[in-house]
Amino acid sequence: MSTPLDGAIAIWYLLTAGSLAFLIWDLLTNTPTGRVMKLAWVLVVFYTGPIGLFIYLLSCRQPLPGTHDAFIAPHWKQATGSLLHCVAGDATGIIISAAIVYRFGLPNGIDLIIEYLSAFVVGLLVFQALFMRAMYNGNYWLAVRKTFFAETVSMNMVMVGMIPTMVILMHRLPGAGNPFHATFWAVMSLATMAGMLTAYPINSWMVRRGLKHGMMSAMPKSKQGAGPGAAESMGSGMEMGSEMGGEMGGEMGGEMGGEMAMSHEMPSGHQGTSLPPARMATVLILTFAALALALWVTTLFAPITLTGSE
C-alpha cells in the first residue's frame, strides 16, 4: 500500500531524472567545464536532484558563450567546485558501501566504519589523486600524498552532515536501509545534501589558502577573452594566483592557473606546498572532533552499536 512519503519520493525522482537530463545536455552543448567536473556534476545531481541542478545553474553554467571563465571566477563558485569534487567521490563511496553492507546485517557502527573507509578510498584515490595527477607531472602516488590532507579534512566534514541524516532516518523510516527500496535512495539524497552544507566552509577555506583546486574551465584558447567580463576573469585569476603564490610558495599559480584557464588539459608542473605541520595537525584534530560530536549527537536520536543488533 502506497503512502504519501512514497508519492513524494516518486515526484522527487521524476524531478531528478529531468534535472539529470538537462544537466547532461547542457554539459555536452554549452558549458565548457573540465571532464572531472562534468563527472562530479553528474554524480551530485544524480544524488541531489533539482537542488544540485539549481546549484549548477548558479555556480557553473555559463550564461553566454565564451563567458565561463568570468562566470566561475568568484570565490564562492571556486569553493563550490572544490566541494563538488569531494562530495562526488565521498558520497559515491558511502552509497556503494551502504548498499553492499546491508546484505551482511552488521551492526550499524560497523557499517559506518566501512562506509567511512570506502568514501575515503574513492574520494582520495579517484577524485583527488587519479583525476588530479596531471598537476603533479603525472605522478599518481605523489598526487595521493599531496591530496591526503585535503581529502581527509573535507571528507570528515561531509560525514558530519551525512552520518546523522543517514543513521537517524534509517532508524525511523521502515525500509530505509534497503537499497532495493526507494526510501533508501531518498535518505541518501538528503544525507548528501546535508554533507554538502557541512563541508562547504572547509572547502572554501582550503580554496582560499590554495590547498585545493576550485571550479574548472575548459574553454579553448581561441574563446578565452571573447565573452563579456573575460578580461575581468583573467585579471581576477592573476590576482588570486599572485596573492596565493606569495602566501603558499607559488602553489596557487600552478593550481588555480590550471583550473581557471584550463585549455584542453591541466598543467603538469603543479607541485603544491602544504600548511605548517602544527596547523595541519590542528585542522585535522578539529575536523575529527566535529565528526565525533556529530556521532554523539546522532546517538541521542538513534543507537549506534558495534556489537549485536541495534
Protein backbone atom coordinates (compact mmCIF):
# COMPACT_ATOMS: atom_id res chain seq x y z
CA MET A 1 0.00 0.00 0.00
CA SER A 2 1.45 3.34 -1.04
CA THR A 3 1.89 6.22 1.39
CA PRO A 4 2.25 10.00 0.99
CA LEU A 5 6.00 9.52 1.50
CA ASP A 6 6.11 7.10 -1.44
CA GLY A 7 4.34 9.67 -3.60
CA ALA A 8 6.74 12.44 -2.55
CA ILE A 9 9.73 10.19 -3.32
CA ALA A 10 8.29 9.34 -6.75
CA ILE A 11 7.87 13.04 -7.58
CA TRP A 12 11.39 13.77 -6.33
CA TYR A 13 12.93 11.20 -8.64
CA LEU A 14 10.91 12.35 -11.61
CA LEU A 15 12.39 15.80 -10.96
CA THR A 16 15.82 14.22 -10.55
CA ALA A 17 15.53 12.45 -13.91
CA GLY A 18 14.60 15.71 -15.60
CA SER A 19 17.39 17.58 -13.84
CA LEU A 20 19.95 14.98 -14.86
CA ALA A 21 18.79 15.01 -18.48
CA PHE A 22 19.08 18.81 -18.68
CA LEU A 23 22.47 18.78 -16.95
CA ILE A 24 23.97 16.24 -19.35
CA TRP A 25 22.58 18.10 -22.36
CA ASP A 26 23.98 21.40 -21.11
CA LEU A 27 27.40 19.95 -20.29
CA LEU A 28 27.63 18.50 -23.80
CA THR A 29 26.41 21.56 -25.66
CA ASN A 30 27.00 24.70 -23.62
CA THR A 31 29.21 24.79 -20.52
CA PRO A 32 32.93 24.13 -21.18
CA THR A 33 33.92 22.75 -17.80
CA GLY A 34 36.60 20.08 -17.34
CA ARG A 35 35.93 16.36 -17.65
CA VAL A 36 36.42 15.79 -13.93
CA MET A 37 33.91 18.49 -13.09
CA LYS A 38 31.44 17.08 -15.59
CA LEU A 39 31.57 13.69 -13.88
CA ALA A 40 31.28 15.35 -10.46
CA TRP A 41 28.23 17.35 -11.53
CA VAL A 42 26.52 14.29 -13.00
CA LEU A 43 27.04 12.30 -9.79
CA VAL A 44 26.00 15.12 -7.49
CA VAL A 45 22.84 15.93 -9.47
CA PHE A 46 22.05 12.20 -9.56
CA TYR A 47 22.23 12.23 -5.75
CA THR A 48 20.62 15.61 -5.08
CA GLY A 49 18.21 16.11 -7.99
CA PRO A 50 16.83 19.61 -8.65
CA ILE A 51 18.76 21.04 -5.69
CA GLY A 52 22.02 20.01 -7.33
CA LEU A 53 20.84 21.39 -10.68
CA PHE A 54 19.96 24.70 -9.02
CA ILE A 55 23.50 24.92 -7.61
CA TYR A 56 24.89 24.11 -11.06
CA LEU A 57 22.86 26.89 -12.68
CA LEU A 58 24.06 29.42 -10.12
CA SER A 59 27.72 28.43 -9.97
CA CYS A 60 28.83 26.78 -13.21
CA ARG A 61 26.51 27.11 -16.22
CA GLN A 62 27.81 29.86 -18.48
CA PRO A 63 25.06 32.35 -19.39
CA LEU A 64 26.58 33.24 -22.78
CA PRO A 65 29.18 31.56 -25.00
CA GLY A 66 32.73 32.47 -24.03
CA THR A 67 31.83 33.71 -20.54
CA HIS A 68 32.58 30.64 -18.44
CA ASP A 69 35.91 31.84 -17.05
CA ALA A 70 34.38 35.11 -15.92
CA PHE A 71 31.26 33.41 -14.58
CA ILE A 72 33.11 30.97 -12.31
CA ALA A 73 35.70 33.50 -11.07
CA PRO A 74 34.02 34.46 -7.74
CA HIS A 75 35.45 32.68 -4.73
CA TRP A 76 32.19 31.02 -3.68
CA LYS A 77 31.92 29.38 -7.09
CA GLN A 78 35.50 28.17 -6.89
CA ALA A 79 34.73 26.77 -3.45
CA THR A 80 31.66 25.06 -4.86
CA GLY A 81 33.86 23.35 -7.45
CA SER A 82 36.12 22.07 -4.68
CA LEU A 83 33.08 20.87 -2.76
CA LEU A 84 31.77 19.02 -5.81
CA HIS A 85 34.97 17.02 -6.15
CA CYS A 86 34.79 15.99 -2.52
CA VAL A 87 31.08 15.17 -2.38
CA ALA A 88 31.03 13.26 -5.67
CA GLY A 89 33.75 10.89 -4.50
CA ASP A 90 32.75 10.59 -0.86
CA ALA A 91 29.02 10.18 -1.44
CA THR A 92 29.68 7.59 -4.14
CA GLY A 93 31.87 5.57 -1.78
CA ILE A 94 29.31 5.81 1.03
CA ILE A 95 26.32 4.88 -1.11
CA ILE A 96 28.06 1.92 -2.77
CA SER A 97 29.28 0.51 0.53
CA ALA A 98 25.92 1.13 2.26
CA ALA A 99 24.17 -0.82 -0.49
CA ILE A 100 26.63 -3.70 -0.10
CA VAL A 101 26.86 -3.97 3.71
CA TYR A 102 23.07 -4.10 4.00
CA ARG A 103 23.27 -7.74 2.90
CA PHE A 104 25.52 -8.70 5.81
CA GLY A 105 23.29 -7.49 8.65
CA LEU A 106 26.19 -5.93 10.56
CA PRO A 107 25.77 -3.51 13.50
CA ASN A 108 25.31 -0.02 12.17
CA GLY A 109 28.51 1.15 13.85
CA ILE A 110 30.49 -1.35 11.75
CA ASP A 111 28.54 -0.21 8.69
CA LEU A 112 29.62 3.39 9.37
CA ILE A 113 33.29 2.41 9.67
CA ILE A 114 33.13 0.56 6.35
CA GLU A 115 31.31 3.44 4.70
CA TYR A 116 33.86 5.94 6.02
CA LEU A 117 36.77 3.91 4.67
CA SER A 118 35.02 3.37 1.34
CA ALA A 119 34.30 7.09 0.98
CA PHE A 120 37.92 7.91 1.79
CA VAL A 121 39.27 5.43 -0.76
CA VAL A 122 37.01 6.64 -3.58
CA GLY A 123 37.47 10.31 -2.70
CA LEU A 124 41.26 10.18 -2.36
CA LEU A 125 42.34 7.55 -4.88
CA VAL A 126 39.90 8.54 -7.64
CA PHE A 127 38.53 12.07 -7.42
CA GLN A 128 41.60 13.64 -5.84
CA ALA A 129 44.70 11.69 -6.88
CA LEU A 130 43.68 9.91 -10.09
CA PHE A 131 41.92 12.81 -11.75
CA MET A 132 44.40 15.40 -10.46
CA ARG A 133 47.66 13.56 -11.16
CA ALA A 134 48.35 15.80 -14.18
CA MET A 135 49.01 18.60 -11.70
CA TYR A 136 51.85 16.51 -10.27
CA ASN A 137 53.67 15.66 -13.53
CA GLY A 138 51.59 12.50 -13.89
CA ASN A 139 52.95 11.05 -10.64
CA TYR A 140 49.92 9.29 -9.15
CA TRP A 141 51.43 8.45 -5.75
CA LEU A 142 52.74 11.97 -5.35
CA ALA A 143 49.18 13.15 -6.04
CA VAL A 144 47.91 10.76 -3.35
CA ARG A 145 50.38 12.14 -0.83
CA LYS A 146 49.76 15.77 -1.72
CA THR A 147 45.96 15.49 -1.56
CA PHE A 148 45.76 13.27 1.54
CA PHE A 149 45.28 16.12 3.99
CA ALA A 150 42.70 17.98 1.89
CA GLU A 151 40.67 14.83 1.29
CA THR A 152 40.75 13.81 4.96
CA VAL A 153 39.50 17.08 6.43
CA SER A 154 36.99 17.63 3.65
CA MET A 155 35.57 14.11 3.97
CA ASN A 156 35.33 14.41 7.75
CA MET A 157 33.10 17.43 7.29
CA VAL A 158 30.99 15.65 4.67
CA MET A 159 30.44 12.85 7.18
CA VAL A 160 29.45 15.40 9.85
CA GLY A 161 26.33 16.03 7.79
CA MET A 162 25.78 12.61 6.24
CA ILE A 163 26.07 10.37 9.30
CA PRO A 164 23.32 11.93 11.45
CA THR A 165 20.99 12.13 8.46
CA MET A 166 21.57 8.52 7.40
CA VAL A 167 21.50 6.91 10.83
CA ILE A 168 18.50 8.78 12.23
CA LEU A 169 16.33 8.45 9.13
CA MET A 170 17.23 4.79 8.60
CA HIS A 171 16.30 4.17 12.23
CA ARG A 172 12.96 5.95 11.92
CA LEU A 173 11.81 5.05 8.39
CA PRO A 174 10.87 1.44 7.54
CA GLY A 175 12.92 0.02 4.67
CA ALA A 176 15.28 2.98 4.57
CA GLY A 177 18.34 0.75 4.89
CA ASN A 178 17.35 -1.46 1.97
CA PRO A 179 18.97 -0.38 -1.33
CA PHE A 180 16.09 -2.04 -3.21
CA HIS A 181 13.64 0.31 -1.50
CA ALA A 182 13.02 3.83 -2.82
CA THR A 183 13.30 5.24 0.69
CA PHE A 184 16.99 4.25 0.82
CA TRP A 185 17.79 6.50 -2.13
CA ALA A 186 15.69 9.35 -0.72
CA VAL A 187 17.63 9.13 2.54
CA MET A 188 20.92 9.12 0.65
CA SER A 189 19.83 12.20 -1.30
CA LEU A 190 19.05 14.06 1.92
CA ALA A 191 22.30 12.85 3.51
CA THR A 192 24.33 14.05 0.52
CA MET A 193 22.74 17.49 0.70
CA ALA A 194 23.44 17.65 4.44
CA GLY A 195 27.06 16.68 3.78
CA MET A 196 27.38 19.45 1.20
CA LEU A 197 26.22 22.02 3.74
CA THR A 198 28.65 20.93 6.45
CA ALA A 199 31.62 20.53 4.07
CA TYR A 200 31.32 23.84 2.22
CA PRO A 201 33.12 26.00 4.83
CA ILE A 202 36.25 23.82 4.98
CA ASN A 203 36.40 23.64 1.17
CA SER A 204 36.02 27.41 0.93
CA TRP A 205 38.90 27.84 3.38
CA MET A 206 41.13 25.37 1.52
CA VAL A 207 40.50 27.02 -1.86
CA ARG A 208 41.29 30.42 -0.37
CA ARG A 209 44.52 29.02 1.06
CA GLY A 210 45.45 27.32 -2.22
CA LEU A 211 45.20 23.82 -0.74
CA LYS A 212 42.50 22.59 -3.15
CA HIS A 213 41.52 23.28 -6.73
CA GLY A 214 38.29 25.07 -7.48
CA MET A 215 35.80 25.12 -10.34
CA MET A 216 37.31 24.00 -13.64
CA SER A 217 37.05 25.56 -17.05
CA ALA A 218 37.93 24.02 -20.40
CA MET A 219 37.49 26.97 -22.71
CA PRO A 220 39.57 26.76 -25.89
CA LYS A 221 42.26 29.42 -26.07
CA SER A 222 40.59 30.96 -29.09
CA LYS A 223 37.49 31.69 -26.99
CA GLN A 224 39.18 32.91 -23.83
CA GLY A 225 38.65 36.62 -23.56
CA ALA A 226 35.86 36.58 -26.17
CA GLY A 227 32.95 36.99 -23.82
CA PRO A 228 31.87 39.89 -21.64
CA GLY A 229 33.84 40.08 -18.44
CA ALA A 230 36.59 37.76 -19.66
CA ALA A 231 39.28 40.36 -19.04
CA GLU A 232 37.98 40.75 -15.51
CA SER A 233 38.15 36.98 -15.06
CA MET A 234 41.74 36.82 -16.28
CA GLY A 235 42.71 39.70 -14.04
CA SER A 236 40.97 38.06 -11.09
CA GLY A 237 42.73 34.79 -11.75
CA MET A 238 46.11 36.52 -11.99
CA GLU A 239 45.44 38.46 -8.82
CA MET A 240 44.42 35.33 -6.94
CA GLY A 241 47.45 33.45 -8.26
CA SER A 242 49.76 36.27 -7.22
CA GLU A 243 48.24 36.55 -3.76
CA MET A 244 48.33 32.85 -3.07
CA GLY A 245 51.75 32.48 -4.63
CA GLY A 246 53.12 34.88 -2.05
CA GLU A 247 51.31 33.06 0.73
CA MET A 248 51.76 29.44 -0.30
CA GLY A 249 55.07 29.40 -2.11
CA GLY A 250 53.60 29.79 -5.60
CA GLU A 251 51.18 26.87 -5.31
CA MET A 252 48.15 28.80 -6.46
CA GLY A 253 49.83 29.86 -9.67
CA GLY A 254 50.10 26.22 -10.68
CA GLU A 255 46.84 25.00 -9.23
CA MET A 256 44.32 27.76 -9.87
CA GLY A 257 46.01 28.61 -13.14
CA GLY A 258 45.26 25.09 -14.26
CA GLU A 259 41.64 25.38 -13.11
CA MET A 260 40.81 28.91 -14.21
CA ALA A 261 42.43 28.84 -17.66
CA MET A 262 42.45 25.14 -18.44
CA SER A 263 42.83 24.89 -22.22
CA HIS A 264 42.08 21.25 -23.01
CA GLU A 265 44.42 19.83 -20.35
CA MET A 266 45.80 20.70 -16.95
CA PRO A 267 49.30 21.98 -16.32
CA SER A 268 51.76 19.28 -15.41
CA GLY A 269 54.10 21.28 -13.22
CA HIS A 270 51.97 21.67 -10.11
CA GLN A 271 53.99 20.71 -7.02
CA GLY A 272 51.95 22.45 -4.30
CA THR A 273 53.02 23.04 -0.74
CA SER A 274 51.03 22.46 2.43
CA LEU A 275 50.29 24.06 5.77
CA PRO A 276 52.88 24.06 8.54
CA PRO A 277 52.69 20.69 10.38
CA ALA A 278 51.32 22.23 13.59
CA ARG A 279 48.48 23.98 11.77
CA MET A 280 47.76 20.89 9.69
CA ALA A 281 47.52 18.78 12.86
CA THR A 282 45.20 21.36 14.43
CA VAL A 283 42.83 21.33 11.47
CA LEU A 284 42.83 17.53 11.37
CA ILE A 285 42.04 17.34 15.09
CA LEU A 286 39.24 19.89 14.78
CA THR A 287 37.56 18.02 11.92
CA PHE A 288 37.80 14.70 13.76
CA ALA A 289 36.37 16.43 16.84
CA ALA A 290 33.47 17.73 14.75
CA LEU A 291 32.89 14.21 13.46
CA ALA A 292 32.96 12.79 16.99
CA LEU A 293 30.45 15.44 18.08
CA ALA A 294 28.19 14.55 15.15
CA LEU A 295 28.32 10.88 16.17
CA TRP A 296 27.45 11.75 19.76
CA VAL A 297 24.51 13.93 18.72
CA THR A 298 23.30 11.11 16.46
CA THR A 299 23.22 8.67 19.40
CA LEU A 300 20.74 10.96 21.15
CA PHE A 301 18.19 10.13 18.45
CA ALA A 302 19.22 6.69 17.17
CA PRO A 303 21.52 3.95 18.51
CA ILE A 304 24.99 3.34 17.05
CA THR A 305 26.33 -0.06 18.05
CA LEU A 306 29.47 -2.03 17.30
CA THR A 307 28.22 -5.39 18.58
CA GLY A 308 24.94 -7.25 18.42
CA SER A 309 21.80 -5.80 16.88
CA GLU A 310 20.64 -2.20 17.02
